[in-house]
Amino acid sequence: MPSALRRQQLVRLSGEGWARVLDAPWEAPARQCLALWAARGLPLVVTRQPVAASDTLATGLPAPARFRRLRLALAVAPRHVMFLDEFPAAEAVSRLLPRSQVATWRALVARLAEVDCAPRVYGGYGWQAITRLAYVHAASDLDLLLPVSSQPQADAVAGLLADMAWDGPRLDGELLFADGAAVAWREWLAHRQGRTARVLVKRLHGVALEAP
C-alpha cells in the first residue's frame, strides 16, 4: 500500500493495472469510460478504505456527463499504482469560471495564501480541469481542499471563506489537517461559533462525529 495515503489523493495506474481493470465484466457505459481513462492515463481518486486489512486499494472514478455521471468503484493492487498525485491547484480552475469572476477568484486564492493555505480543487471543477471533459453544470459547487496545520489556521481559513464577497459557484469543501482528518469548512465554522457541539470528521478508514 502506498505510504502517507489519504482521501482525495489521486492515483496513476500502470498499463498492467489498467489491463486488469478492463478485464473485469463492466457494462457498456462504464467500460467505455474506463477505456478512455486507460488510453489517456487519467487518474482515479483514493476513497475510504476498509477497516479490515486488505491487499487492494479502494479507488473511485466519478464519470463525466458523457458517461451518465456514473460513480465507479475500483479495487486496485498497490503494485499497479505508479505514483500518487493531487487535484489541481485553485488557480488552475480560473479558465472554467466566467471572465467576470476570475479576478475575485484570484483575490480569494491570494488571501488564502496570506494565511498559508494553498487550496486545491476537487469535485466537478477539479475533474474537469484534469480531464477537459464536461463535469460542471449550473448547480455545481466549487469544492476546495484546504490544507491546514492547526485549529487557529482552520479558523482563519473558514472565516475568510465565510466573509468573502463571491457571486460565483457555492464554495464548499474540506479543511484537511496534517494527520489526514478532514472537516467541511462550513461545519467547522458552525462548531467554532458555538452553533454545533460536534463535527463530522472524515478519515481514510472511516467517519465519526467528534468535538475537536
N, C-alpha and C. Protein backbone atom coordinates (compact mmCIF):
# COMPACT_ATOMS: atom_id res chain seq x y z
N MET A 1 0.85 -1.20 0.00
CA MET A 1 0.00 0.00 0.00
C MET A 1 0.89 1.24 0.00
N PRO A 2 0.63 2.23 -0.85
CA PRO A 2 1.45 3.44 -0.85
C PRO A 2 1.48 4.10 0.52
N SER A 3 2.62 4.66 0.90
CA SER A 3 2.74 5.32 2.19
C SER A 3 2.04 6.67 2.17
N ALA A 4 1.71 7.18 3.37
CA ALA A 4 1.11 8.51 3.54
C ALA A 4 -0.17 8.66 2.72
N LEU A 5 -0.93 7.60 2.64
CA LEU A 5 -2.16 7.62 1.85
C LEU A 5 -3.24 8.40 2.57
N ARG A 6 -4.07 9.14 1.81
CA ARG A 6 -5.22 9.83 2.40
C ARG A 6 -6.32 9.97 1.35
N ARG A 7 -7.51 10.26 1.83
CA ARG A 7 -8.63 10.54 0.94
C ARG A 7 -8.31 11.72 0.02
N GLN A 8 -8.95 11.70 -1.13
CA GLN A 8 -8.84 12.79 -2.12
C GLN A 8 -7.45 12.90 -2.75
N GLN A 9 -6.60 11.90 -2.56
CA GLN A 9 -5.40 11.82 -3.39
C GLN A 9 -5.77 11.15 -4.70
N LEU A 10 -4.99 11.41 -5.70
CA LEU A 10 -5.16 10.75 -6.99
C LEU A 10 -4.11 9.66 -7.15
N VAL A 11 -4.47 8.62 -7.88
CA VAL A 11 -3.51 7.56 -8.18
C VAL A 11 -3.43 7.38 -9.70
N ARG A 12 -2.23 7.16 -10.16
CA ARG A 12 -1.98 6.90 -11.58
C ARG A 12 -1.58 5.44 -11.73
N LEU A 13 -2.35 4.71 -12.53
CA LEU A 13 -2.12 3.29 -12.70
C LEU A 13 -1.14 3.01 -13.84
N SER A 14 -0.46 1.89 -13.71
CA SER A 14 0.40 1.40 -14.79
C SER A 14 -0.46 0.79 -15.90
N GLY A 15 0.17 0.51 -17.03
CA GLY A 15 -0.54 -0.16 -18.11
C GLY A 15 -1.09 -1.50 -17.68
N GLU A 16 -0.31 -2.24 -16.91
CA GLU A 16 -0.79 -3.53 -16.41
C GLU A 16 -2.00 -3.34 -15.50
N GLY A 17 -1.95 -2.29 -14.69
CA GLY A 17 -3.08 -2.01 -13.81
C GLY A 17 -4.36 -1.76 -14.59
N TRP A 18 -4.26 -0.96 -15.64
CA TRP A 18 -5.44 -0.69 -16.46
C TRP A 18 -5.92 -1.94 -17.18
N ALA A 19 -4.99 -2.78 -17.60
CA ALA A 19 -5.39 -4.03 -18.25
C ALA A 19 -6.20 -4.89 -17.29
N ARG A 20 -5.79 -4.94 -16.02
CA ARG A 20 -6.54 -5.70 -15.03
C ARG A 20 -7.92 -5.10 -14.81
N VAL A 21 -7.99 -3.78 -14.75
CA VAL A 21 -9.29 -3.12 -14.58
C VAL A 21 -10.22 -3.48 -15.73
N LEU A 22 -9.71 -3.43 -16.94
CA LEU A 22 -10.55 -3.66 -18.12
C LEU A 22 -10.88 -5.13 -18.33
N ASP A 23 -10.19 -6.02 -17.61
CA ASP A 23 -10.52 -7.44 -17.67
C ASP A 23 -11.83 -7.76 -16.96
N ALA A 24 -12.27 -6.86 -16.07
CA ALA A 24 -13.49 -7.10 -15.30
C ALA A 24 -14.72 -6.96 -16.21
N PRO A 25 -15.84 -7.59 -15.83
CA PRO A 25 -17.04 -7.57 -16.69
C PRO A 25 -17.89 -6.31 -16.50
N TRP A 26 -17.39 -5.18 -16.98
CA TRP A 26 -18.12 -3.92 -16.86
C TRP A 26 -19.24 -3.83 -17.89
N GLU A 27 -20.31 -3.11 -17.55
CA GLU A 27 -21.34 -2.82 -18.54
C GLU A 27 -20.84 -1.73 -19.49
N ALA A 28 -21.53 -1.58 -20.61
CA ALA A 28 -21.01 -0.77 -21.72
C ALA A 28 -20.60 0.65 -21.35
N PRO A 29 -21.45 1.47 -20.70
CA PRO A 29 -21.02 2.85 -20.42
C PRO A 29 -19.79 2.91 -19.52
N ALA A 30 -19.75 2.03 -18.51
CA ALA A 30 -18.60 2.01 -17.61
C ALA A 30 -17.34 1.58 -18.35
N ARG A 31 -17.47 0.56 -19.19
CA ARG A 31 -16.31 0.08 -19.95
C ARG A 31 -15.78 1.17 -20.88
N GLN A 32 -16.67 1.89 -21.53
CA GLN A 32 -16.25 2.96 -22.43
C GLN A 32 -15.49 4.04 -21.66
N CYS A 33 -16.00 4.38 -20.49
CA CYS A 33 -15.34 5.40 -19.66
C CYS A 33 -13.96 4.92 -19.23
N LEU A 34 -13.89 3.69 -18.73
CA LEU A 34 -12.62 3.15 -18.25
C LEU A 34 -11.61 3.01 -19.39
N ALA A 35 -12.09 2.64 -20.57
CA ALA A 35 -11.18 2.54 -21.72
C ALA A 35 -10.58 3.90 -22.07
N LEU A 36 -11.39 4.95 -21.97
CA LEU A 36 -10.87 6.30 -22.22
C LEU A 36 -9.85 6.68 -21.15
N TRP A 37 -10.16 6.38 -19.89
CA TRP A 37 -9.23 6.69 -18.79
C TRP A 37 -7.89 5.98 -19.02
N ALA A 38 -7.98 4.70 -19.40
CA ALA A 38 -6.76 3.93 -19.64
C ALA A 38 -5.96 4.51 -20.80
N ALA A 39 -6.64 4.85 -21.89
CA ALA A 39 -5.95 5.37 -23.08
C ALA A 39 -5.26 6.69 -22.80
N ARG A 40 -5.88 7.51 -21.95
CA ARG A 40 -5.32 8.84 -21.67
C ARG A 40 -4.50 8.89 -20.39
N GLY A 41 -4.41 7.79 -19.67
CA GLY A 41 -3.65 7.78 -18.43
C GLY A 41 -4.22 8.70 -17.37
N LEU A 42 -5.54 8.79 -17.32
CA LEU A 42 -6.20 9.67 -16.35
C LEU A 42 -6.24 9.00 -14.97
N PRO A 43 -6.35 9.80 -13.91
CA PRO A 43 -6.24 9.23 -12.57
C PRO A 43 -7.55 8.69 -12.01
N LEU A 44 -7.41 7.93 -10.95
CA LEU A 44 -8.50 7.55 -10.06
C LEU A 44 -8.30 8.30 -8.76
N VAL A 45 -9.32 8.31 -7.91
CA VAL A 45 -9.21 9.02 -6.64
C VAL A 45 -9.28 8.02 -5.49
N VAL A 46 -8.46 8.25 -4.47
CA VAL A 46 -8.47 7.41 -3.28
C VAL A 46 -9.76 7.67 -2.51
N THR A 47 -10.48 6.60 -2.18
CA THR A 47 -11.71 6.71 -1.42
C THR A 47 -11.50 6.12 -0.03
N ARG A 48 -12.56 6.04 0.75
CA ARG A 48 -12.45 5.46 2.09
C ARG A 48 -12.02 4.01 2.00
N GLN A 49 -11.04 3.65 2.81
CA GLN A 49 -10.51 2.30 2.80
C GLN A 49 -11.21 1.43 3.84
N PRO A 50 -11.36 0.13 3.59
CA PRO A 50 -11.97 -0.75 4.58
C PRO A 50 -11.15 -0.80 5.85
N VAL A 51 -11.84 -0.94 6.98
CA VAL A 51 -11.14 -1.03 8.26
C VAL A 51 -10.32 -2.31 8.33
N ALA A 52 -10.90 -3.40 7.87
CA ALA A 52 -10.18 -4.67 7.85
C ALA A 52 -9.02 -4.60 6.86
N ALA A 53 -7.94 -5.30 7.19
CA ALA A 53 -6.77 -5.31 6.31
C ALA A 53 -7.15 -5.80 4.92
N SER A 54 -6.60 -5.16 3.91
CA SER A 54 -6.90 -5.53 2.53
C SER A 54 -5.64 -5.43 1.70
N ASP A 55 -5.55 -6.29 0.69
CA ASP A 55 -4.39 -6.22 -0.21
C ASP A 55 -4.69 -5.42 -1.46
N THR A 56 -5.82 -4.70 -1.46
CA THR A 56 -6.14 -3.81 -2.57
C THR A 56 -6.42 -2.41 -2.06
N LEU A 57 -6.37 -1.47 -2.96
CA LEU A 57 -6.61 -0.06 -2.66
C LEU A 57 -7.97 0.33 -3.23
N ALA A 58 -8.84 0.88 -2.38
CA ALA A 58 -10.17 1.32 -2.82
C ALA A 58 -10.05 2.68 -3.50
N THR A 59 -10.51 2.74 -4.74
CA THR A 59 -10.46 3.98 -5.50
C THR A 59 -11.80 4.21 -6.19
N GLY A 60 -11.98 5.41 -6.71
CA GLY A 60 -13.21 5.74 -7.39
C GLY A 60 -12.97 6.52 -8.67
N LEU A 61 -13.99 6.52 -9.50
CA LEU A 61 -13.96 7.32 -10.73
C LEU A 61 -15.36 7.90 -10.91
N PRO A 62 -15.55 9.18 -10.63
CA PRO A 62 -16.82 9.82 -10.94
C PRO A 62 -16.83 10.21 -12.42
N ALA A 63 -17.64 9.55 -13.19
CA ALA A 63 -17.60 9.74 -14.64
C ALA A 63 -18.22 11.07 -15.05
N PRO A 64 -17.77 11.62 -16.17
CA PRO A 64 -18.34 12.88 -16.66
C PRO A 64 -19.72 12.67 -17.29
N ALA A 65 -20.30 13.76 -17.73
CA ALA A 65 -21.67 13.73 -18.26
C ALA A 65 -21.83 12.75 -19.41
N ARG A 66 -20.84 12.66 -20.28
CA ARG A 66 -20.97 11.79 -21.47
C ARG A 66 -21.09 10.32 -21.11
N PHE A 67 -20.69 9.96 -19.89
CA PHE A 67 -20.83 8.58 -19.42
C PHE A 67 -21.84 8.49 -18.28
N ARG A 68 -22.89 9.32 -18.38
CA ARG A 68 -24.04 9.27 -17.48
C ARG A 68 -23.71 9.60 -16.03
N ARG A 69 -22.58 10.22 -15.80
CA ARG A 69 -22.14 10.58 -14.44
C ARG A 69 -22.12 9.36 -13.52
N LEU A 70 -21.74 8.22 -14.07
CA LEU A 70 -21.62 7.01 -13.26
C LEU A 70 -20.58 7.23 -12.16
N ARG A 71 -20.78 6.55 -11.05
CA ARG A 71 -19.79 6.57 -9.97
C ARG A 71 -19.23 5.16 -9.86
N LEU A 72 -18.02 4.99 -10.33
CA LEU A 72 -17.40 3.67 -10.42
C LEU A 72 -16.46 3.44 -9.24
N ALA A 73 -16.55 2.26 -8.65
CA ALA A 73 -15.67 1.86 -7.55
C ALA A 73 -14.72 0.79 -8.07
N LEU A 74 -13.44 0.98 -7.82
CA LEU A 74 -12.43 0.04 -8.31
C LEU A 74 -11.48 -0.33 -7.18
N ALA A 75 -11.21 -1.61 -7.05
CA ALA A 75 -10.19 -2.10 -6.12
C ALA A 75 -8.95 -2.43 -6.93
N VAL A 76 -7.86 -1.73 -6.67
CA VAL A 76 -6.65 -1.92 -7.48
C VAL A 76 -5.51 -2.42 -6.60
N ALA A 77 -4.62 -3.16 -7.20
CA ALA A 77 -3.46 -3.67 -6.47
C ALA A 77 -2.44 -2.55 -6.29
N PRO A 78 -1.89 -2.39 -5.09
CA PRO A 78 -0.90 -1.33 -4.88
C PRO A 78 0.27 -1.39 -5.86
N ARG A 79 0.63 -2.60 -6.29
CA ARG A 79 1.77 -2.70 -7.21
C ARG A 79 1.47 -2.08 -8.57
N HIS A 80 0.19 -1.84 -8.85
CA HIS A 80 -0.19 -1.23 -10.12
C HIS A 80 -0.27 0.30 -10.04
N VAL A 81 -0.01 0.85 -8.86
CA VAL A 81 0.00 2.30 -8.69
C VAL A 81 1.39 2.82 -9.01
N MET A 82 1.51 3.59 -10.08
CA MET A 82 2.82 4.14 -10.44
C MET A 82 3.23 5.24 -9.48
N PHE A 83 2.28 6.15 -9.17
CA PHE A 83 2.57 7.21 -8.22
C PHE A 83 1.27 7.86 -7.77
N LEU A 84 1.36 8.57 -6.65
CA LEU A 84 0.25 9.35 -6.13
C LEU A 84 0.31 10.75 -6.73
N ASP A 85 -0.85 11.35 -6.86
CA ASP A 85 -0.92 12.69 -7.46
C ASP A 85 -1.93 13.51 -6.66
N GLU A 86 -2.13 14.76 -7.04
CA GLU A 86 -3.04 15.65 -6.33
C GLU A 86 -4.01 16.31 -7.31
N PHE A 87 -5.14 16.74 -6.78
CA PHE A 87 -6.05 17.56 -7.56
C PHE A 87 -5.38 18.90 -7.89
N PRO A 88 -5.85 19.59 -8.91
CA PRO A 88 -5.17 20.82 -9.34
C PRO A 88 -5.24 21.94 -8.31
N ALA A 89 -4.22 22.77 -8.33
CA ALA A 89 -4.22 23.98 -7.51
C ALA A 89 -5.37 24.89 -7.93
N ALA A 90 -5.83 25.71 -7.00
CA ALA A 90 -7.02 26.53 -7.24
C ALA A 90 -6.90 27.41 -8.47
N GLU A 91 -5.73 27.91 -8.74
CA GLU A 91 -5.55 28.81 -9.89
C GLU A 91 -5.90 28.10 -11.20
N ALA A 92 -5.74 26.78 -11.24
CA ALA A 92 -5.95 26.04 -12.49
C ALA A 92 -7.40 26.05 -12.96
N VAL A 93 -8.34 26.35 -12.07
CA VAL A 93 -9.74 26.34 -12.50
C VAL A 93 -10.21 27.73 -12.95
N SER A 94 -9.33 28.70 -12.96
CA SER A 94 -9.73 30.05 -13.40
C SER A 94 -10.35 30.01 -14.79
N ARG A 95 -9.80 29.17 -15.66
CA ARG A 95 -10.30 29.12 -17.04
C ARG A 95 -11.70 28.53 -17.14
N LEU A 96 -12.18 27.89 -16.06
CA LEU A 96 -13.53 27.31 -16.07
C LEU A 96 -14.59 28.28 -15.56
N LEU A 97 -14.15 29.42 -15.06
CA LEU A 97 -15.08 30.40 -14.50
C LEU A 97 -15.41 31.48 -15.52
N PRO A 98 -16.58 32.10 -15.40
CA PRO A 98 -16.88 33.26 -16.24
C PRO A 98 -15.83 34.35 -16.04
N ARG A 99 -15.53 35.07 -17.09
CA ARG A 99 -14.49 36.10 -17.01
C ARG A 99 -14.77 37.09 -15.88
N SER A 100 -16.04 37.37 -15.63
CA SER A 100 -16.39 38.35 -14.59
C SER A 100 -16.03 37.88 -13.19
N GLN A 101 -15.78 36.59 -13.01
CA GLN A 101 -15.49 36.05 -11.68
C GLN A 101 -14.01 35.76 -11.46
N VAL A 102 -13.21 35.83 -12.50
CA VAL A 102 -11.82 35.39 -12.39
C VAL A 102 -11.02 36.27 -11.44
N ALA A 103 -11.17 37.57 -11.51
CA ALA A 103 -10.39 38.46 -10.63
C ALA A 103 -10.71 38.21 -9.17
N THR A 104 -11.99 38.04 -8.85
CA THR A 104 -12.38 37.78 -7.46
C THR A 104 -11.85 36.43 -7.01
N TRP A 105 -11.91 35.45 -7.88
CA TRP A 105 -11.38 34.12 -7.55
C TRP A 105 -9.88 34.20 -7.25
N ARG A 106 -9.14 34.91 -8.08
CA ARG A 106 -7.70 35.03 -7.84
C ARG A 106 -7.42 35.80 -6.56
N ALA A 107 -8.26 36.78 -6.25
CA ALA A 107 -8.10 37.51 -4.99
C ALA A 107 -8.34 36.59 -3.80
N LEU A 108 -9.32 35.70 -3.92
CA LEU A 108 -9.58 34.74 -2.85
C LEU A 108 -8.39 33.81 -2.65
N VAL A 109 -7.85 33.31 -3.74
CA VAL A 109 -6.68 32.42 -3.64
C VAL A 109 -5.51 33.16 -2.99
N ALA A 110 -5.33 34.43 -3.35
CA ALA A 110 -4.25 35.22 -2.76
C ALA A 110 -4.47 35.44 -1.27
N ARG A 111 -5.70 35.67 -0.86
CA ARG A 111 -5.99 35.86 0.56
C ARG A 111 -5.76 34.57 1.34
N LEU A 112 -6.09 33.44 0.75
CA LEU A 112 -5.81 32.17 1.41
C LEU A 112 -4.30 31.96 1.54
N ALA A 113 -3.55 32.37 0.54
CA ALA A 113 -2.09 32.25 0.62
C ALA A 113 -1.54 33.08 1.77
N GLU A 114 -2.18 34.20 2.08
CA GLU A 114 -1.73 35.05 3.18
C GLU A 114 -1.86 34.35 4.53
N VAL A 115 -2.73 33.36 4.63
CA VAL A 115 -2.84 32.58 5.88
C VAL A 115 -2.23 31.19 5.67
N ASP A 116 -1.30 31.10 4.71
CA ASP A 116 -0.51 29.88 4.45
C ASP A 116 -1.36 28.68 4.06
N CYS A 117 -2.40 28.93 3.31
CA CYS A 117 -3.25 27.85 2.82
C CYS A 117 -3.21 27.84 1.29
N ALA A 118 -2.78 26.72 0.73
CA ALA A 118 -2.70 26.57 -0.73
C ALA A 118 -3.80 25.60 -1.17
N PRO A 119 -4.98 26.10 -1.51
CA PRO A 119 -6.11 25.22 -1.79
C PRO A 119 -5.97 24.47 -3.11
N ARG A 120 -6.57 23.31 -3.13
CA ARG A 120 -6.74 22.55 -4.35
C ARG A 120 -8.23 22.39 -4.61
N VAL A 121 -8.59 22.07 -5.83
CA VAL A 121 -10.00 21.97 -6.21
C VAL A 121 -10.30 20.54 -6.64
N TYR A 122 -11.29 19.94 -5.97
CA TYR A 122 -11.73 18.60 -6.35
C TYR A 122 -13.17 18.70 -6.84
N GLY A 123 -13.91 17.60 -6.84
CA GLY A 123 -15.28 17.64 -7.34
C GLY A 123 -15.33 17.93 -8.84
N GLY A 124 -16.48 18.41 -9.31
CA GLY A 124 -16.67 18.62 -10.74
C GLY A 124 -15.65 19.55 -11.37
N TYR A 125 -15.35 20.66 -10.69
CA TYR A 125 -14.38 21.61 -11.26
C TYR A 125 -12.99 20.99 -11.33
N GLY A 126 -12.61 20.26 -10.29
CA GLY A 126 -11.31 19.62 -10.30
C GLY A 126 -11.18 18.59 -11.40
N TRP A 127 -12.21 17.74 -11.53
CA TRP A 127 -12.15 16.71 -12.57
C TRP A 127 -12.19 17.32 -13.97
N GLN A 128 -12.94 18.38 -14.15
CA GLN A 128 -12.97 19.00 -15.48
C GLN A 128 -11.62 19.63 -15.82
N ALA A 129 -10.96 20.21 -14.82
CA ALA A 129 -9.64 20.79 -15.06
C ALA A 129 -8.63 19.71 -15.45
N ILE A 130 -8.74 18.53 -14.84
CA ILE A 130 -7.80 17.44 -15.13
C ILE A 130 -8.07 16.82 -16.49
N THR A 131 -9.34 16.53 -16.76
CA THR A 131 -9.69 15.71 -17.92
C THR A 131 -10.09 16.50 -19.16
N ARG A 132 -10.52 17.76 -18.95
CA ARG A 132 -11.10 18.59 -20.01
C ARG A 132 -12.37 17.96 -20.59
N LEU A 133 -13.04 17.16 -19.78
CA LEU A 133 -14.34 16.61 -20.12
C LEU A 133 -15.41 17.35 -19.33
N ALA A 134 -16.65 17.26 -19.77
CA ALA A 134 -17.73 18.05 -19.16
C ALA A 134 -18.20 17.43 -17.84
N TYR A 135 -17.91 18.12 -16.76
CA TYR A 135 -18.40 17.76 -15.43
C TYR A 135 -19.29 18.85 -14.84
N VAL A 136 -18.89 20.09 -15.04
CA VAL A 136 -19.52 21.22 -14.36
C VAL A 136 -20.88 21.51 -14.98
N HIS A 137 -21.86 21.76 -14.12
CA HIS A 137 -23.19 22.17 -14.57
C HIS A 137 -23.65 23.36 -13.73
N ALA A 138 -24.81 23.87 -13.99
CA ALA A 138 -25.26 25.12 -13.37
C ALA A 138 -25.31 25.04 -11.85
N ALA A 139 -25.59 23.85 -11.31
CA ALA A 139 -25.71 23.71 -9.86
C ALA A 139 -24.43 23.20 -9.19
N SER A 140 -23.34 23.11 -9.92
CA SER A 140 -22.10 22.58 -9.36
C SER A 140 -21.53 23.49 -8.28
N ASP A 141 -21.16 22.90 -7.14
CA ASP A 141 -20.37 23.61 -6.14
C ASP A 141 -18.92 23.66 -6.60
N LEU A 142 -18.17 24.58 -6.01
CA LEU A 142 -16.74 24.65 -6.23
C LEU A 142 -16.09 24.10 -4.96
N ASP A 143 -15.60 22.87 -5.05
CA ASP A 143 -15.13 22.14 -3.87
C ASP A 143 -13.64 22.39 -3.63
N LEU A 144 -13.33 22.91 -2.46
CA LEU A 144 -11.95 23.26 -2.12
C LEU A 144 -11.39 22.28 -1.09
N LEU A 145 -10.18 21.82 -1.34
CA LEU A 145 -9.42 21.05 -0.37
C LEU A 145 -8.42 22.01 0.25
N LEU A 146 -8.58 22.26 1.56
CA LEU A 146 -7.91 23.37 2.23
C LEU A 146 -6.94 22.85 3.29
N PRO A 147 -5.66 22.67 2.95
CA PRO A 147 -4.70 22.15 3.93
C PRO A 147 -4.46 23.15 5.06
N VAL A 148 -4.57 22.66 6.30
CA VAL A 148 -4.31 23.49 7.48
C VAL A 148 -3.49 22.67 8.47
N SER A 149 -2.73 23.38 9.31
CA SER A 149 -1.86 22.69 10.26
C SER A 149 -2.27 22.88 11.70
N SER A 150 -3.28 23.72 11.96
CA SER A 150 -3.68 23.99 13.34
C SER A 150 -5.13 24.48 13.37
N GLN A 151 -5.72 24.45 14.56
CA GLN A 151 -7.08 24.97 14.70
C GLN A 151 -7.15 26.47 14.44
N PRO A 152 -6.21 27.28 14.93
CA PRO A 152 -6.27 28.72 14.59
C PRO A 152 -6.20 28.97 13.09
N GLN A 153 -5.38 28.21 12.37
CA GLN A 153 -5.33 28.39 10.92
C GLN A 153 -6.65 27.97 10.29
N ALA A 154 -7.24 26.88 10.78
CA ALA A 154 -8.56 26.46 10.27
C ALA A 154 -9.60 27.54 10.50
N ASP A 155 -9.55 28.18 11.67
CA ASP A 155 -10.48 29.28 11.96
C ASP A 155 -10.30 30.42 10.96
N ALA A 156 -9.04 30.75 10.68
CA ALA A 156 -8.75 31.85 9.76
C ALA A 156 -9.26 31.54 8.35
N VAL A 157 -9.02 30.32 7.90
CA VAL A 157 -9.44 29.93 6.55
C VAL A 157 -10.96 29.92 6.44
N ALA A 158 -11.63 29.30 7.41
CA ALA A 158 -13.09 29.23 7.36
C ALA A 158 -13.71 30.62 7.46
N GLY A 159 -13.15 31.47 8.31
CA GLY A 159 -13.66 32.82 8.43
C GLY A 159 -13.49 33.63 7.16
N LEU A 160 -12.35 33.44 6.51
CA LEU A 160 -12.09 34.15 5.26
C LEU A 160 -13.10 33.74 4.19
N LEU A 161 -13.35 32.45 4.08
CA LEU A 161 -14.31 31.97 3.08
C LEU A 161 -15.72 32.48 3.37
N ALA A 162 -16.09 32.49 4.65
CA ALA A 162 -17.43 32.94 5.02
C ALA A 162 -17.63 34.42 4.73
N ASP A 163 -16.57 35.20 4.87
CA ASP A 163 -16.68 36.66 4.72
C ASP A 163 -16.45 37.14 3.29
N MET A 164 -15.98 36.25 2.42
CA MET A 164 -15.61 36.66 1.07
C MET A 164 -16.84 37.05 0.26
N ALA A 165 -16.79 38.19 -0.38
CA ALA A 165 -17.86 38.60 -1.30
C ALA A 165 -17.64 37.86 -2.61
N TRP A 166 -18.49 36.89 -2.87
CA TRP A 166 -18.28 35.99 -4.01
C TRP A 166 -19.62 35.69 -4.65
N ASP A 167 -19.75 35.96 -5.94
CA ASP A 167 -21.01 35.72 -6.63
C ASP A 167 -20.92 34.55 -7.60
N GLY A 168 -19.90 33.72 -7.41
CA GLY A 168 -19.72 32.55 -8.27
C GLY A 168 -20.35 31.31 -7.69
N PRO A 169 -19.90 30.13 -8.13
CA PRO A 169 -20.44 28.88 -7.60
C PRO A 169 -20.27 28.81 -6.08
N ARG A 170 -21.19 28.10 -5.44
CA ARG A 170 -21.12 27.94 -3.99
C ARG A 170 -19.79 27.32 -3.60
N LEU A 171 -19.10 27.95 -2.65
CA LEU A 171 -17.81 27.45 -2.19
C LEU A 171 -18.03 26.40 -1.11
N ASP A 172 -17.67 25.18 -1.43
CA ASP A 172 -17.81 24.08 -0.49
C ASP A 172 -16.43 23.47 -0.28
N GLY A 173 -16.37 22.36 0.43
CA GLY A 173 -15.09 21.68 0.57
C GLY A 173 -14.70 21.42 2.00
N GLU A 174 -13.46 20.98 2.17
CA GLU A 174 -12.99 20.44 3.44
C GLU A 174 -11.68 21.09 3.89
N LEU A 175 -11.58 21.29 5.19
CA LEU A 175 -10.31 21.60 5.83
C LEU A 175 -9.57 20.28 6.01
N LEU A 176 -8.34 20.22 5.53
CA LEU A 176 -7.56 18.99 5.60
C LEU A 176 -6.41 19.19 6.59
N PHE A 177 -6.49 18.49 7.72
CA PHE A 177 -5.46 18.62 8.75
C PHE A 177 -4.27 17.71 8.44
N ALA A 178 -3.15 17.97 9.11
CA ALA A 178 -1.91 17.29 8.79
C ALA A 178 -1.98 15.78 8.99
N ASP A 179 -2.86 15.33 9.90
CA ASP A 179 -2.99 13.89 10.14
C ASP A 179 -3.94 13.20 9.18
N GLY A 180 -4.44 13.93 8.19
CA GLY A 180 -5.35 13.36 7.20
C GLY A 180 -6.81 13.52 7.53
N ALA A 181 -7.13 14.00 8.73
CA ALA A 181 -8.53 14.24 9.09
C ALA A 181 -9.08 15.41 8.30
N ALA A 182 -10.33 15.29 7.85
CA ALA A 182 -10.95 16.34 7.04
C ALA A 182 -12.31 16.70 7.62
N VAL A 183 -12.59 18.01 7.65
CA VAL A 183 -13.86 18.52 8.17
C VAL A 183 -14.38 19.57 7.19
N ALA A 184 -15.65 19.49 6.86
CA ALA A 184 -16.24 20.52 6.00
C ALA A 184 -16.03 21.89 6.63
N TRP A 185 -15.56 22.85 5.83
CA TRP A 185 -15.23 24.15 6.43
C TRP A 185 -16.46 24.82 7.00
N ARG A 186 -17.62 24.62 6.43
CA ARG A 186 -18.85 25.22 6.96
C ARG A 186 -19.22 24.60 8.31
N GLU A 187 -19.03 23.28 8.43
CA GLU A 187 -19.30 22.63 9.72
C GLU A 187 -18.32 23.11 10.78
N TRP A 188 -17.06 23.25 10.39
CA TRP A 188 -16.05 23.74 11.33
C TRP A 188 -16.43 25.13 11.85
N LEU A 189 -16.83 26.00 10.95
CA LEU A 189 -17.20 27.36 11.33
C LEU A 189 -18.39 27.34 12.28
N ALA A 190 -19.39 26.53 11.97
CA ALA A 190 -20.57 26.45 12.84
C ALA A 190 -20.19 25.96 14.23
N HIS A 191 -19.30 24.98 14.29
CA HIS A 191 -18.85 24.46 15.59
C HIS A 191 -18.08 25.52 16.37
N ARG A 192 -17.19 26.21 15.72
CA ARG A 192 -16.37 27.20 16.42
C ARG A 192 -17.18 28.41 16.85
N GLN A 193 -18.30 28.64 16.20
CA GLN A 193 -19.20 29.72 16.60
C GLN A 193 -20.21 29.26 17.65
N GLY A 194 -20.09 28.02 18.10
CA GLY A 194 -20.96 27.51 19.15
C GLY A 194 -22.32 27.05 18.68
N ARG A 195 -22.50 26.89 17.37
CA ARG A 195 -23.81 26.50 16.85
C ARG A 195 -23.99 24.99 16.78
N THR A 196 -22.91 24.23 16.88
CA THR A 196 -22.99 22.77 16.92
C THR A 196 -21.99 22.25 17.94
N ALA A 197 -22.30 21.09 18.52
CA ALA A 197 -21.42 20.51 19.54
C ALA A 197 -20.30 19.69 18.92
N ARG A 198 -20.56 19.09 17.76
CA ARG A 198 -19.58 18.20 17.15
C ARG A 198 -19.56 18.41 15.63
N VAL A 199 -18.52 17.89 15.02
CA VAL A 199 -18.39 17.96 13.56
C VAL A 199 -18.14 16.56 13.03
N LEU A 200 -18.47 16.36 11.77
CA LEU A 200 -18.21 15.08 11.11
C LEU A 200 -16.77 15.09 10.60
N VAL A 201 -15.96 14.19 11.14
CA VAL A 201 -14.55 14.10 10.76
C VAL A 201 -14.37 12.89 9.86
N LYS A 202 -13.81 13.13 8.69
CA LYS A 202 -13.60 12.05 7.71
C LYS A 202 -12.12 11.69 7.70
N ARG A 203 -11.87 10.39 7.82
CA ARG A 203 -10.50 9.88 7.75
C ARG A 203 -10.44 8.76 6.72
N LEU A 204 -9.23 8.27 6.50
CA LEU A 204 -9.03 7.27 5.47
C LEU A 204 -9.86 6.01 5.71
N HIS A 205 -10.03 5.66 6.98
CA HIS A 205 -10.71 4.39 7.30
C HIS A 205 -12.09 4.57 7.92
N GLY A 206 -12.64 5.77 7.90
CA GLY A 206 -13.98 5.92 8.44
C GLY A 206 -14.33 7.36 8.75
N VAL A 207 -15.53 7.54 9.28
CA VAL A 207 -16.01 8.87 9.67
C VAL A 207 -16.54 8.79 11.09
N ALA A 208 -16.51 9.92 11.80
CA ALA A 208 -17.00 9.95 13.17
C ALA A 208 -17.39 11.37 13.54
N LEU A 209 -18.41 11.50 14.40
CA LEU A 209 -18.76 12.79 14.97
C LEU A 209 -17.84 13.05 16.15
N GLU A 210 -17.16 14.18 16.13
CA GLU A 210 -16.18 14.49 17.17
C GLU A 210 -16.30 15.95 17.58
N ALA A 211 -15.79 16.23 18.79
CA ALA A 211 -15.67 17.60 19.27
C ALA A 211 -14.19 17.96 19.23
N PRO A 212 -13.75 18.68 18.21
CA PRO A 212 -12.31 18.97 18.06
C PRO A 212 -11.74 19.71 19.27
